[in-house]
């Protein structure tokens, strides 16, 4: 696994006006912010926060071109912001997110990074993103553009899963992928098929095409 670097973390109390502008619900004046060098792992971690504490993800955005092209040392690839009713709730949620970031990250097939991760029980953030009930199992699948589309097709054919959200390439970080739902075992199978397909392209990018 490619480790995720947490770059900056800060908390705000009584920030209701700012929180409202960022999408926080009324009565959620406490905010917790973080930046990391991996956007998709961070979105999974923010979802974990919603299951660990009474918080919501009020803002999450990827930055353009990826962490290698970050504008400043602490910007990285993504900013995520949690909102809660109390500072304690936000800190609890952030601790859960930071813990998840130690367990979630991209794998690598040759020089090609990819993410194929089963979320066994989606929290409020990813369930809303995928349009499924909270507690549903999801496969979170991300890779470079061609690999992502090729491997997504393999994932959908390998198991009884439904495509809930397609991230068409190029994303802000020039990757692609999506979220698929099904049973946990089906999502696991989709992840394996996705990883295998990415590895296939990494090993033989041109396939059987001899070119001209």
N, C-alpha and C. Protein backbone atom coordinates (compact mmCIF):
# COMPACT_ATOMS: atom_id res chain seq x y z
N UNK A 1 0.83 -1.20 0.00
CA UNK A 1 0.00 0.00 0.00
C UNK A 1 0.87 1.25 0.00
N UNK A 2 0.49 2.22 -0.81
CA UNK A 2 1.19 3.50 -0.81
C UNK A 2 0.68 4.32 0.36
N UNK A 3 1.53 4.68 1.33
CA UNK A 3 1.05 5.39 2.52
C UNK A 3 0.47 6.76 2.15
N UNK A 4 -0.56 7.16 2.89
CA UNK A 4 -1.15 8.49 2.74
C UNK A 4 -0.48 9.43 3.73
N UNK A 5 -0.06 10.59 3.26
CA UNK A 5 0.54 11.59 4.13
C UNK A 5 -0.52 12.63 4.52
N UNK A 6 -0.76 12.75 5.82
CA UNK A 6 -1.62 13.81 6.33
C UNK A 6 -0.76 15.06 6.44
N UNK A 7 -1.18 16.12 5.81
CA UNK A 7 -0.35 17.32 5.70
C UNK A 7 -0.72 18.41 6.70
N UNK A 8 -2.00 18.61 6.96
CA UNK A 8 -2.42 19.66 7.89
C UNK A 8 -3.77 19.30 8.49
N UNK A 9 -3.95 19.63 9.77
CA UNK A 9 -5.22 19.42 10.48
C UNK A 9 -5.48 20.64 11.36
N UNK A 10 -6.69 21.18 11.31
CA UNK A 10 -7.07 22.29 12.16
C UNK A 10 -8.54 22.18 12.54
N UNK A 11 -8.88 22.77 13.70
CA UNK A 11 -10.25 22.76 14.21
C UNK A 11 -10.74 24.19 14.42
N UNK A 12 -12.04 24.38 14.20
CA UNK A 12 -12.67 25.67 14.43
C UNK A 12 -13.91 25.48 15.29
N UNK A 13 -14.07 26.31 16.30
CA UNK A 13 -15.28 26.31 17.13
C UNK A 13 -16.10 27.55 16.79
N UNK A 14 -17.41 27.44 16.92
CA UNK A 14 -18.31 28.59 16.69
C UNK A 14 -18.09 29.21 15.32
N UNK A 15 -17.97 28.36 14.32
CA UNK A 15 -17.74 28.84 12.96
C UNK A 15 -19.00 28.63 12.12
N UNK A 16 -20.15 28.95 12.69
CA UNK A 16 -21.41 28.62 12.03
C UNK A 16 -21.58 29.35 10.70
N UNK A 17 -21.18 30.61 10.62
CA UNK A 17 -21.35 31.35 9.37
C UNK A 17 -20.49 30.75 8.26
N UNK A 18 -19.23 30.43 8.58
CA UNK A 18 -18.37 29.79 7.60
C UNK A 18 -18.90 28.42 7.24
N UNK A 19 -19.31 27.67 8.27
CA UNK A 19 -19.82 26.33 8.02
C UNK A 19 -21.04 26.34 7.12
N UNK A 20 -21.94 27.29 7.33
CA UNK A 20 -23.12 27.38 6.49
C UNK A 20 -22.73 27.60 5.03
N UNK A 21 -21.73 28.47 4.80
CA UNK A 21 -21.27 28.73 3.44
C UNK A 21 -20.64 27.50 2.81
N UNK A 22 -20.09 26.62 3.65
CA UNK A 22 -19.44 25.40 3.16
C UNK A 22 -20.40 24.22 3.04
N UNK A 23 -21.64 24.41 3.48
CA UNK A 23 -22.63 23.35 3.35
C UNK A 23 -22.98 22.63 4.62
N UNK A 24 -22.51 23.12 5.77
CA UNK A 24 -22.83 22.46 7.04
C UNK A 24 -24.29 22.71 7.40
N UNK A 25 -24.96 21.73 8.03
CA UNK A 25 -26.35 21.95 8.46
C UNK A 25 -26.42 22.99 9.57
N UNK A 26 -27.57 23.59 9.74
CA UNK A 26 -27.78 24.50 10.85
C UNK A 26 -27.57 23.77 12.17
N UNK A 27 -26.92 24.43 13.11
CA UNK A 27 -26.67 23.81 14.41
C UNK A 27 -25.42 22.95 14.44
N UNK A 28 -24.61 23.04 13.40
CA UNK A 28 -23.32 22.32 13.34
C UNK A 28 -22.20 23.35 13.22
N UNK A 29 -21.90 24.08 14.30
CA UNK A 29 -20.96 25.20 14.20
C UNK A 29 -19.48 24.82 14.32
N UNK A 30 -19.19 23.59 14.74
CA UNK A 30 -17.79 23.18 14.91
C UNK A 30 -17.29 22.52 13.63
N UNK A 31 -16.07 22.88 13.25
CA UNK A 31 -15.50 22.35 12.01
C UNK A 31 -14.14 21.72 12.27
N UNK A 32 -13.81 20.69 11.50
CA UNK A 32 -12.49 20.09 11.50
C UNK A 32 -12.02 19.96 10.08
N UNK A 33 -10.80 20.41 9.79
CA UNK A 33 -10.29 20.44 8.42
C UNK A 33 -9.00 19.64 8.32
N UNK A 34 -8.82 18.97 7.19
CA UNK A 34 -7.55 18.29 6.94
C UNK A 34 -7.22 18.33 5.47
N UNK A 35 -5.92 18.27 5.18
CA UNK A 35 -5.43 18.07 3.82
C UNK A 35 -4.50 16.88 3.83
N UNK A 36 -4.49 16.15 2.71
CA UNK A 36 -3.61 14.99 2.56
C UNK A 36 -3.11 14.95 1.12
N UNK A 37 -2.24 13.98 0.86
CA UNK A 37 -1.73 13.84 -0.51
C UNK A 37 -2.46 12.76 -1.30
N UNK A 38 -3.65 12.33 -0.84
CA UNK A 38 -4.41 11.30 -1.55
C UNK A 38 -5.90 11.56 -1.38
N UNK A 39 -6.56 11.98 -2.45
CA UNK A 39 -7.96 12.39 -2.32
C UNK A 39 -8.91 11.22 -2.05
N UNK A 40 -8.82 10.15 -2.82
CA UNK A 40 -9.82 9.09 -2.68
C UNK A 40 -9.74 8.37 -1.34
N UNK A 41 -8.53 8.12 -0.86
CA UNK A 41 -8.39 7.53 0.47
C UNK A 41 -8.98 8.46 1.53
N UNK A 42 -8.84 9.76 1.33
CA UNK A 42 -9.37 10.72 2.28
C UNK A 42 -10.89 10.72 2.27
N UNK A 43 -11.50 10.58 1.12
CA UNK A 43 -12.96 10.51 1.07
C UNK A 43 -13.48 9.27 1.81
N UNK A 44 -12.77 8.16 1.67
CA UNK A 44 -13.15 6.96 2.42
C UNK A 44 -12.99 7.21 3.92
N UNK A 45 -11.91 7.88 4.30
CA UNK A 45 -11.67 8.17 5.71
C UNK A 45 -12.71 9.13 6.28
N UNK A 46 -13.10 10.13 5.49
CA UNK A 46 -14.14 11.05 5.95
C UNK A 46 -15.46 10.32 6.17
N UNK A 47 -15.74 9.34 5.32
CA UNK A 47 -16.95 8.54 5.51
C UNK A 47 -16.88 7.77 6.82
N UNK A 48 -15.69 7.27 7.16
CA UNK A 48 -15.52 6.58 8.44
C UNK A 48 -15.84 7.51 9.60
N UNK A 49 -15.50 8.78 9.46
CA UNK A 49 -15.78 9.75 10.52
C UNK A 49 -17.27 9.85 10.80
N UNK A 50 -18.09 9.76 9.74
CA UNK A 50 -19.54 9.90 9.94
C UNK A 50 -20.13 8.70 10.67
N UNK A 51 -19.41 7.59 10.68
CA UNK A 51 -19.89 6.41 11.41
C UNK A 51 -19.41 6.39 12.85
N UNK A 52 -18.37 7.17 13.14
CA UNK A 52 -17.76 7.14 14.46
C UNK A 52 -18.27 8.24 15.38
N UNK A 53 -18.84 9.28 14.82
CA UNK A 53 -19.27 10.43 15.63
C UNK A 53 -20.42 11.13 14.92
N UNK A 54 -21.08 12.01 15.66
CA UNK A 54 -22.20 12.76 15.09
C UNK A 54 -21.66 13.95 14.30
N UNK A 55 -21.13 13.64 13.14
CA UNK A 55 -20.56 14.65 12.26
C UNK A 55 -21.05 14.41 10.84
N UNK A 56 -20.92 15.43 10.03
CA UNK A 56 -21.22 15.32 8.61
C UNK A 56 -20.05 15.87 7.81
N UNK A 57 -19.88 15.37 6.61
CA UNK A 57 -18.85 15.92 5.72
C UNK A 57 -19.50 17.08 4.98
N UNK A 58 -19.13 18.30 5.36
CA UNK A 58 -19.76 19.46 4.73
C UNK A 58 -19.02 19.90 3.49
N UNK A 59 -17.76 19.47 3.34
CA UNK A 59 -16.99 19.91 2.18
C UNK A 59 -15.87 18.93 1.92
N UNK A 60 -15.72 18.55 0.65
CA UNK A 60 -14.61 17.70 0.23
C UNK A 60 -14.31 17.97 -1.22
N UNK A 61 -13.10 18.41 -1.52
CA UNK A 61 -12.75 18.74 -2.90
C UNK A 61 -11.31 18.30 -3.21
N UNK A 62 -11.14 17.76 -4.40
CA UNK A 62 -9.81 17.42 -4.90
C UNK A 62 -9.21 18.64 -5.58
N UNK A 63 -7.91 18.74 -5.51
CA UNK A 63 -7.22 19.84 -6.17
C UNK A 63 -6.73 19.39 -7.55
N UNK A 64 -6.46 20.33 -8.40
CA UNK A 64 -6.13 20.03 -9.78
C UNK A 64 -4.72 19.48 -9.93
N UNK A 65 -4.61 18.44 -10.76
CA UNK A 65 -3.34 17.87 -11.22
C UNK A 65 -2.66 16.94 -10.23
N UNK A 66 -3.17 16.81 -9.00
CA UNK A 66 -2.63 15.83 -8.07
C UNK A 66 -1.58 16.36 -7.13
N UNK A 67 -1.23 15.54 -6.15
CA UNK A 67 -0.32 15.95 -5.08
C UNK A 67 1.06 16.33 -5.58
N UNK A 68 1.51 15.69 -6.65
CA UNK A 68 2.84 16.00 -7.17
C UNK A 68 2.94 17.42 -7.70
N UNK A 69 1.79 18.02 -7.96
CA UNK A 69 1.76 19.38 -8.49
C UNK A 69 1.06 20.33 -7.52
N UNK A 70 1.11 20.03 -6.23
CA UNK A 70 0.44 20.86 -5.23
C UNK A 70 1.00 22.28 -5.22
N UNK A 71 0.12 23.23 -4.94
CA UNK A 71 0.52 24.64 -5.00
C UNK A 71 1.37 25.06 -3.80
N UNK A 72 1.21 24.40 -2.66
CA UNK A 72 1.98 24.72 -1.46
C UNK A 72 2.29 23.42 -0.71
N UNK A 73 3.24 23.43 0.23
CA UNK A 73 3.63 22.19 0.91
C UNK A 73 2.50 21.50 1.66
N UNK A 74 1.53 22.25 2.18
CA UNK A 74 0.47 21.65 2.98
C UNK A 74 -0.85 21.49 2.24
N UNK A 75 -0.85 21.82 0.94
CA UNK A 75 -2.09 21.71 0.17
C UNK A 75 -2.38 20.26 -0.22
N UNK A 76 -1.38 19.59 -0.75
CA UNK A 76 -1.57 18.20 -1.15
C UNK A 76 -2.54 18.05 -2.29
N UNK A 77 -3.46 17.10 -2.15
CA UNK A 77 -4.36 16.75 -3.24
C UNK A 77 -5.83 16.99 -2.91
N UNK A 78 -6.13 17.23 -1.63
CA UNK A 78 -7.54 17.28 -1.24
C UNK A 78 -7.70 18.04 0.08
N UNK A 79 -8.86 18.67 0.23
CA UNK A 79 -9.26 19.21 1.53
C UNK A 79 -10.59 18.57 1.91
N UNK A 80 -10.69 18.15 3.16
CA UNK A 80 -11.93 17.62 3.68
C UNK A 80 -12.31 18.38 4.94
N UNK A 81 -13.59 18.67 5.08
CA UNK A 81 -14.05 19.43 6.24
C UNK A 81 -15.24 18.72 6.88
N UNK A 82 -15.11 18.42 8.16
CA UNK A 82 -16.19 17.83 8.96
C UNK A 82 -16.90 18.92 9.73
N UNK A 83 -18.19 18.77 9.92
CA UNK A 83 -18.98 19.69 10.75
C UNK A 83 -19.70 18.89 11.82
N UNK A 84 -19.76 19.46 13.02
CA UNK A 84 -20.45 18.80 14.12
C UNK A 84 -21.11 19.80 15.04
N UNK A 85 -21.92 19.28 15.93
CA UNK A 85 -22.61 20.15 16.89
C UNK A 85 -21.66 20.66 17.97
N UNK A 86 -20.64 19.86 18.28
CA UNK A 86 -19.70 20.23 19.33
C UNK A 86 -18.28 20.00 18.84
N UNK A 87 -17.30 20.73 19.40
CA UNK A 87 -15.91 20.46 19.06
C UNK A 87 -15.49 19.03 19.38
N UNK A 88 -16.03 18.48 20.48
CA UNK A 88 -15.68 17.11 20.85
C UNK A 88 -16.11 16.11 19.80
N UNK A 89 -17.30 16.31 19.24
CA UNK A 89 -17.78 15.40 18.20
C UNK A 89 -16.88 15.48 16.97
N UNK A 90 -16.48 16.69 16.61
CA UNK A 90 -15.62 16.86 15.44
C UNK A 90 -14.27 16.21 15.66
N UNK A 91 -13.71 16.37 16.86
CA UNK A 91 -12.42 15.74 17.14
C UNK A 91 -12.53 14.22 17.09
N UNK A 92 -13.63 13.68 17.61
CA UNK A 92 -13.82 12.23 17.56
C UNK A 92 -13.91 11.75 16.12
N UNK A 93 -14.65 12.49 15.31
CA UNK A 93 -14.76 12.12 13.90
C UNK A 93 -13.42 12.21 13.19
N UNK A 94 -12.67 13.27 13.48
CA UNK A 94 -11.38 13.43 12.83
C UNK A 94 -10.41 12.33 13.25
N UNK A 95 -10.45 11.94 14.51
CA UNK A 95 -9.58 10.84 14.95
C UNK A 95 -9.90 9.55 14.20
N UNK A 96 -11.20 9.32 13.95
CA UNK A 96 -11.59 8.13 13.18
C UNK A 96 -11.08 8.23 11.75
N UNK A 97 -11.16 9.42 11.17
CA UNK A 97 -10.67 9.62 9.81
C UNK A 97 -9.16 9.40 9.73
N UNK A 98 -8.44 9.96 10.68
CA UNK A 98 -6.98 9.82 10.69
C UNK A 98 -6.58 8.36 10.89
N UNK A 99 -7.34 7.65 11.71
CA UNK A 99 -7.08 6.22 11.88
C UNK A 99 -7.30 5.44 10.61
N UNK A 100 -8.37 5.79 9.88
CA UNK A 100 -8.67 5.10 8.63
C UNK A 100 -7.58 5.34 7.59
N UNK A 101 -6.99 6.52 7.61
CA UNK A 101 -5.95 6.84 6.63
C UNK A 101 -4.68 6.01 6.82
N UNK A 102 -4.55 5.38 7.97
CA UNK A 102 -3.42 4.47 8.18
C UNK A 102 -3.68 3.10 7.56
N UNK A 103 -4.95 2.84 7.22
CA UNK A 103 -5.33 1.53 6.72
C UNK A 103 -5.74 1.53 5.25
N UNK A 104 -6.01 2.70 4.70
CA UNK A 104 -6.54 2.80 3.34
C UNK A 104 -5.55 3.54 2.46
N UNK A 105 -5.30 3.02 1.28
CA UNK A 105 -4.41 3.71 0.35
C UNK A 105 -4.37 3.00 -0.98
N UNK A 106 -3.65 3.59 -1.91
CA UNK A 106 -3.52 3.03 -3.24
C UNK A 106 -2.54 1.86 -3.25
N UNK A 107 -2.80 0.90 -4.12
CA UNK A 107 -1.85 -0.16 -4.43
C UNK A 107 -1.14 0.21 -5.72
N UNK A 108 -0.22 -0.64 -6.15
CA UNK A 108 0.53 -0.33 -7.36
C UNK A 108 0.75 -1.60 -8.17
N UNK A 109 0.45 -1.50 -9.47
CA UNK A 109 0.74 -2.57 -10.41
C UNK A 109 1.82 -2.06 -11.34
N UNK A 110 3.05 -2.53 -11.16
CA UNK A 110 4.16 -1.92 -11.87
C UNK A 110 4.29 -0.47 -11.44
N UNK A 111 4.17 0.44 -12.38
CA UNK A 111 4.23 1.87 -12.06
C UNK A 111 2.85 2.51 -12.06
N UNK A 112 1.80 1.69 -12.09
CA UNK A 112 0.43 2.20 -12.18
C UNK A 112 -0.25 2.13 -10.81
N UNK A 113 -0.58 3.27 -10.21
CA UNK A 113 -1.29 3.25 -8.94
C UNK A 113 -2.79 3.06 -9.15
N UNK A 114 -3.42 2.36 -8.21
CA UNK A 114 -4.87 2.18 -8.30
C UNK A 114 -5.43 1.94 -6.90
N UNK A 115 -6.72 2.18 -6.75
CA UNK A 115 -7.42 1.94 -5.50
C UNK A 115 -8.57 0.99 -5.78
N UNK A 116 -8.61 -0.12 -5.06
CA UNK A 116 -9.71 -1.07 -5.16
C UNK A 116 -10.06 -1.48 -3.73
N UNK A 117 -11.01 -0.78 -3.13
CA UNK A 117 -11.27 -0.91 -1.70
C UNK A 117 -12.75 -1.15 -1.44
N UNK A 118 -13.05 -2.17 -0.65
CA UNK A 118 -14.43 -2.44 -0.25
C UNK A 118 -14.76 -1.67 1.02
N UNK A 119 -15.78 -0.85 0.94
CA UNK A 119 -16.35 -0.19 2.13
C UNK A 119 -17.48 -1.09 2.58
N UNK A 120 -17.28 -1.81 3.67
CA UNK A 120 -18.25 -2.83 4.06
C UNK A 120 -19.59 -2.24 4.50
N UNK A 121 -19.56 -1.03 5.04
CA UNK A 121 -20.79 -0.38 5.50
C UNK A 121 -20.63 1.12 5.31
N UNK A 122 -21.24 1.65 4.28
CA UNK A 122 -21.07 3.07 3.95
C UNK A 122 -21.74 3.96 4.97
N UNK A 123 -21.05 5.04 5.33
CA UNK A 123 -21.62 6.04 6.20
C UNK A 123 -22.45 7.03 5.41
N UNK A 124 -22.77 8.16 6.04
CA UNK A 124 -23.66 9.11 5.39
C UNK A 124 -23.03 9.77 4.18
N UNK A 125 -21.72 9.91 4.16
CA UNK A 125 -21.06 10.63 3.07
C UNK A 125 -21.04 9.80 1.79
N UNK A 126 -20.48 8.61 1.82
CA UNK A 126 -20.37 7.81 0.60
C UNK A 126 -21.73 7.25 0.17
N UNK A 127 -22.62 6.99 1.12
CA UNK A 127 -23.95 6.51 0.71
C UNK A 127 -24.68 7.57 -0.08
N UNK A 128 -24.54 8.84 0.32
CA UNK A 128 -25.16 9.92 -0.45
C UNK A 128 -24.49 10.06 -1.81
N UNK A 129 -23.18 9.92 -1.86
CA UNK A 129 -22.45 10.02 -3.12
C UNK A 129 -22.89 8.93 -4.09
N UNK A 130 -23.11 7.73 -3.57
CA UNK A 130 -23.48 6.60 -4.41
C UNK A 130 -24.99 6.49 -4.63
N UNK A 131 -25.78 7.18 -3.80
CA UNK A 131 -27.22 7.08 -3.91
C UNK A 131 -27.76 5.76 -3.40
N UNK A 132 -27.16 5.24 -2.32
CA UNK A 132 -27.60 3.97 -1.72
C UNK A 132 -27.89 4.19 -0.24
N UNK A 133 -28.62 3.30 0.41
CA UNK A 133 -28.89 3.45 1.84
C UNK A 133 -27.61 3.37 2.67
N UNK A 134 -27.60 4.06 3.78
CA UNK A 134 -26.47 3.93 4.70
C UNK A 134 -26.35 2.48 5.15
N UNK A 135 -25.13 2.02 5.30
CA UNK A 135 -24.88 0.64 5.67
C UNK A 135 -24.66 -0.29 4.48
N UNK A 136 -24.87 0.23 3.27
CA UNK A 136 -24.64 -0.59 2.08
C UNK A 136 -23.15 -0.84 1.88
N UNK A 137 -22.83 -1.96 1.26
CA UNK A 137 -21.45 -2.23 0.89
C UNK A 137 -21.16 -1.56 -0.46
N UNK A 138 -19.96 -1.00 -0.58
CA UNK A 138 -19.55 -0.34 -1.81
C UNK A 138 -18.13 -0.77 -2.18
N UNK A 139 -17.86 -0.85 -3.45
CA UNK A 139 -16.49 -0.99 -3.94
C UNK A 139 -16.08 0.36 -4.50
N UNK A 140 -14.99 0.90 -3.97
CA UNK A 140 -14.47 2.20 -4.39
C UNK A 140 -13.29 1.92 -5.31
N UNK A 141 -13.43 2.26 -6.59
CA UNK A 141 -12.50 1.82 -7.62
C UNK A 141 -11.95 3.03 -8.39
N UNK A 142 -10.62 3.18 -8.37
CA UNK A 142 -9.98 4.34 -9.00
C UNK A 142 -8.67 3.90 -9.67
N UNK A 143 -8.40 4.46 -10.84
CA UNK A 143 -7.14 4.17 -11.54
C UNK A 143 -6.92 5.28 -12.58
N UNK A 144 -5.76 5.28 -13.23
CA UNK A 144 -5.56 6.22 -14.34
C UNK A 144 -6.62 6.01 -15.42
N UNK A 145 -6.79 6.98 -16.33
CA UNK A 145 -7.96 7.02 -17.20
C UNK A 145 -8.29 5.74 -17.97
N UNK A 146 -7.41 5.26 -18.83
CA UNK A 146 -7.75 4.07 -19.61
C UNK A 146 -7.89 2.85 -18.72
N UNK A 147 -6.96 2.69 -17.79
CA UNK A 147 -7.01 1.56 -16.87
C UNK A 147 -8.32 1.55 -16.09
N UNK A 148 -8.78 2.74 -15.67
CA UNK A 148 -10.00 2.82 -14.88
C UNK A 148 -11.21 2.33 -15.67
N UNK A 149 -11.36 2.75 -16.92
CA UNK A 149 -12.52 2.35 -17.70
C UNK A 149 -12.45 0.87 -18.08
N UNK A 150 -11.27 0.41 -18.44
CA UNK A 150 -11.10 -1.01 -18.77
C UNK A 150 -11.39 -1.89 -17.55
N UNK A 151 -10.84 -1.49 -16.41
CA UNK A 151 -11.01 -2.29 -15.20
C UNK A 151 -12.41 -2.17 -14.61
N UNK A 152 -13.06 -1.03 -14.81
CA UNK A 152 -14.44 -0.90 -14.33
C UNK A 152 -15.35 -1.88 -15.04
N UNK A 153 -15.15 -2.03 -16.34
CA UNK A 153 -15.94 -3.01 -17.08
C UNK A 153 -15.70 -4.42 -16.55
N UNK A 154 -14.45 -4.73 -16.25
CA UNK A 154 -14.14 -6.06 -15.70
C UNK A 154 -14.81 -6.26 -14.34
N UNK A 155 -14.81 -5.21 -13.51
CA UNK A 155 -15.43 -5.31 -12.19
C UNK A 155 -16.93 -5.55 -12.30
N UNK A 156 -17.58 -4.85 -13.21
CA UNK A 156 -19.04 -4.98 -13.36
C UNK A 156 -19.43 -6.35 -13.91
N UNK A 157 -18.55 -6.97 -14.70
CA UNK A 157 -18.84 -8.28 -15.27
C UNK A 157 -18.48 -9.43 -14.32
N UNK A 158 -17.67 -9.13 -13.30
CA UNK A 158 -17.15 -10.20 -12.45
C UNK A 158 -18.08 -10.55 -11.30
N UNK A 159 -19.03 -9.68 -10.97
CA UNK A 159 -19.84 -9.90 -9.77
C UNK A 159 -21.21 -9.27 -9.95
N UNK A 160 -22.11 -9.62 -9.07
CA UNK A 160 -23.47 -9.07 -9.09
C UNK A 160 -23.45 -7.72 -8.38
N UNK A 161 -22.97 -6.71 -9.09
CA UNK A 161 -22.86 -5.36 -8.55
C UNK A 161 -23.51 -4.37 -9.51
N UNK A 162 -23.82 -3.21 -8.98
CA UNK A 162 -24.46 -2.14 -9.75
C UNK A 162 -23.55 -0.92 -9.76
N UNK A 163 -23.40 -0.32 -10.93
CA UNK A 163 -22.63 0.92 -11.02
C UNK A 163 -23.48 2.06 -10.50
N UNK A 164 -23.03 2.66 -9.40
CA UNK A 164 -23.79 3.75 -8.76
C UNK A 164 -23.27 5.12 -9.16
N UNK A 165 -21.98 5.24 -9.35
CA UNK A 165 -21.37 6.53 -9.65
C UNK A 165 -20.15 6.29 -10.52
N UNK A 166 -20.13 6.90 -11.68
CA UNK A 166 -18.97 6.80 -12.57
C UNK A 166 -18.21 8.12 -12.53
N UNK A 167 -16.91 8.03 -12.25
CA UNK A 167 -16.04 9.20 -12.30
C UNK A 167 -15.33 9.17 -13.65
N UNK A 168 -15.92 9.87 -14.61
CA UNK A 168 -15.35 9.83 -15.96
C UNK A 168 -14.00 10.54 -15.97
N UNK A 169 -13.03 9.98 -16.67
CA UNK A 169 -11.74 10.67 -16.78
C UNK A 169 -11.85 11.83 -17.78
N UNK A 170 -11.07 12.88 -17.58
CA UNK A 170 -10.16 13.03 -16.45
C UNK A 170 -10.85 13.67 -15.27
N UNK A 171 -10.58 13.20 -14.08
CA UNK A 171 -11.01 13.88 -12.87
C UNK A 171 -10.07 15.05 -12.63
N UNK A 172 -10.29 15.76 -11.52
CA UNK A 172 -9.40 16.87 -11.19
C UNK A 172 -7.95 16.40 -11.03
N UNK A 173 -7.78 15.15 -10.63
CA UNK A 173 -6.42 14.61 -10.47
C UNK A 173 -6.02 13.70 -11.64
N UNK A 174 -6.82 13.76 -12.72
CA UNK A 174 -6.53 13.04 -13.96
C UNK A 174 -6.66 11.53 -13.84
N UNK A 175 -7.51 11.08 -12.90
CA UNK A 175 -7.82 9.66 -12.78
C UNK A 175 -9.29 9.45 -13.14
N UNK A 176 -9.77 8.23 -12.96
CA UNK A 176 -11.17 7.91 -13.19
C UNK A 176 -11.55 6.70 -12.35
N UNK A 177 -12.81 6.30 -12.42
CA UNK A 177 -13.26 5.15 -11.66
C UNK A 177 -14.71 5.26 -11.28
N UNK A 178 -15.04 4.78 -10.08
CA UNK A 178 -16.43 4.87 -9.67
C UNK A 178 -16.73 4.09 -8.41
N UNK A 179 -18.01 4.12 -8.06
CA UNK A 179 -18.53 3.39 -6.91
C UNK A 179 -19.53 2.37 -7.40
N UNK A 180 -19.38 1.12 -6.96
CA UNK A 180 -20.35 0.09 -7.28
C UNK A 180 -20.88 -0.51 -6.00
N UNK A 181 -22.12 -0.97 -6.02
CA UNK A 181 -22.75 -1.53 -4.82
C UNK A 181 -23.19 -2.96 -5.05
N UNK A 182 -23.29 -3.68 -3.96
CA UNK A 182 -23.73 -5.06 -3.97
C UNK A 182 -23.49 -5.64 -2.59
N UNK A 183 -23.52 -6.95 -2.47
CA UNK A 183 -23.16 -7.56 -1.19
C UNK A 183 -21.67 -7.34 -0.94
N UNK A 184 -21.24 -7.54 0.30
CA UNK A 184 -19.83 -7.35 0.58
C UNK A 184 -18.98 -8.31 -0.22
N UNK A 185 -19.42 -9.55 -0.36
CA UNK A 185 -18.63 -10.53 -1.13
C UNK A 185 -18.59 -10.14 -2.61
N UNK A 186 -19.68 -9.60 -3.13
CA UNK A 186 -19.69 -9.16 -4.51
C UNK A 186 -18.78 -7.96 -4.72
N UNK A 187 -18.77 -7.04 -3.76
CA UNK A 187 -17.87 -5.89 -3.84
C UNK A 187 -16.41 -6.33 -3.77
N UNK A 188 -16.14 -7.32 -2.91
CA UNK A 188 -14.77 -7.87 -2.84
C UNK A 188 -14.36 -8.45 -4.19
N UNK A 189 -15.28 -9.18 -4.83
CA UNK A 189 -14.98 -9.77 -6.13
C UNK A 189 -14.76 -8.69 -7.19
N UNK A 190 -15.55 -7.64 -7.13
CA UNK A 190 -15.39 -6.53 -8.07
C UNK A 190 -14.02 -5.87 -7.89
N UNK A 191 -13.60 -5.71 -6.63
CA UNK A 191 -12.29 -5.13 -6.36
C UNK A 191 -11.17 -6.00 -6.92
N UNK A 192 -11.28 -7.30 -6.75
CA UNK A 192 -10.24 -8.20 -7.27
C UNK A 192 -10.18 -8.12 -8.80
N UNK A 193 -11.34 -8.11 -9.44
CA UNK A 193 -11.36 -8.05 -10.90
C UNK A 193 -10.79 -6.72 -11.40
N UNK A 194 -11.11 -5.65 -10.69
CA UNK A 194 -10.58 -4.33 -11.06
C UNK A 194 -9.06 -4.33 -10.95
N UNK A 195 -8.55 -4.84 -9.83
CA UNK A 195 -7.10 -4.87 -9.63
C UNK A 195 -6.42 -5.72 -10.69
N UNK A 196 -6.99 -6.86 -11.00
CA UNK A 196 -6.40 -7.75 -12.01
C UNK A 196 -6.36 -7.07 -13.38
N UNK A 197 -7.43 -6.34 -13.71
CA UNK A 197 -7.48 -5.69 -15.01
C UNK A 197 -6.48 -4.54 -15.10
N UNK A 198 -6.33 -3.79 -14.01
CA UNK A 198 -5.31 -2.74 -13.99
C UNK A 198 -3.93 -3.35 -14.20
N UNK A 199 -3.66 -4.45 -13.50
CA UNK A 199 -2.36 -5.10 -13.63
C UNK A 199 -2.13 -5.60 -15.05
N UNK A 200 -3.19 -6.08 -15.69
CA UNK A 200 -3.06 -6.57 -17.07
C UNK A 200 -2.61 -5.44 -17.99
N UNK A 201 -3.23 -4.28 -17.85
CA UNK A 201 -2.86 -3.15 -18.70
C UNK A 201 -1.44 -2.68 -18.37
N UNK A 202 -1.11 -2.68 -17.08
CA UNK A 202 0.23 -2.25 -16.68
C UNK A 202 1.31 -3.14 -17.29
N UNK A 203 1.03 -4.43 -17.37
CA UNK A 203 2.01 -5.38 -17.90
C UNK A 203 2.08 -5.35 -19.42
N UNK A 204 0.97 -5.02 -20.08
CA UNK A 204 0.93 -5.07 -21.54
C UNK A 204 0.03 -3.95 -22.05
N UNK A 205 0.50 -2.71 -22.03
CA UNK A 205 -0.37 -1.57 -22.35
C UNK A 205 -1.01 -1.61 -23.73
N UNK A 206 -0.31 -2.14 -24.70
CA UNK A 206 -0.84 -2.16 -26.08
C UNK A 206 -1.67 -3.40 -26.38
N UNK A 207 -1.73 -4.35 -25.46
CA UNK A 207 -2.48 -5.56 -25.72
C UNK A 207 -1.94 -6.29 -26.93
N UNK A 208 -2.88 -6.71 -27.79
CA UNK A 208 -2.48 -7.43 -29.01
C UNK A 208 -2.32 -6.52 -30.22
N UNK A 209 -2.41 -5.22 -29.98
CA UNK A 209 -2.28 -4.26 -31.08
C UNK A 209 -0.80 -4.08 -31.39
N UNK A 210 -0.41 -4.44 -32.60
CA UNK A 210 1.00 -4.32 -32.99
C UNK A 210 1.36 -2.90 -33.39
N UNK A 211 0.33 -2.04 -33.56
CA UNK A 211 0.59 -0.65 -33.93
C UNK A 211 0.95 -0.53 -35.40
N UNK A 212 1.14 0.71 -35.82
CA UNK A 212 1.49 0.95 -37.22
C UNK A 212 2.68 1.89 -37.27
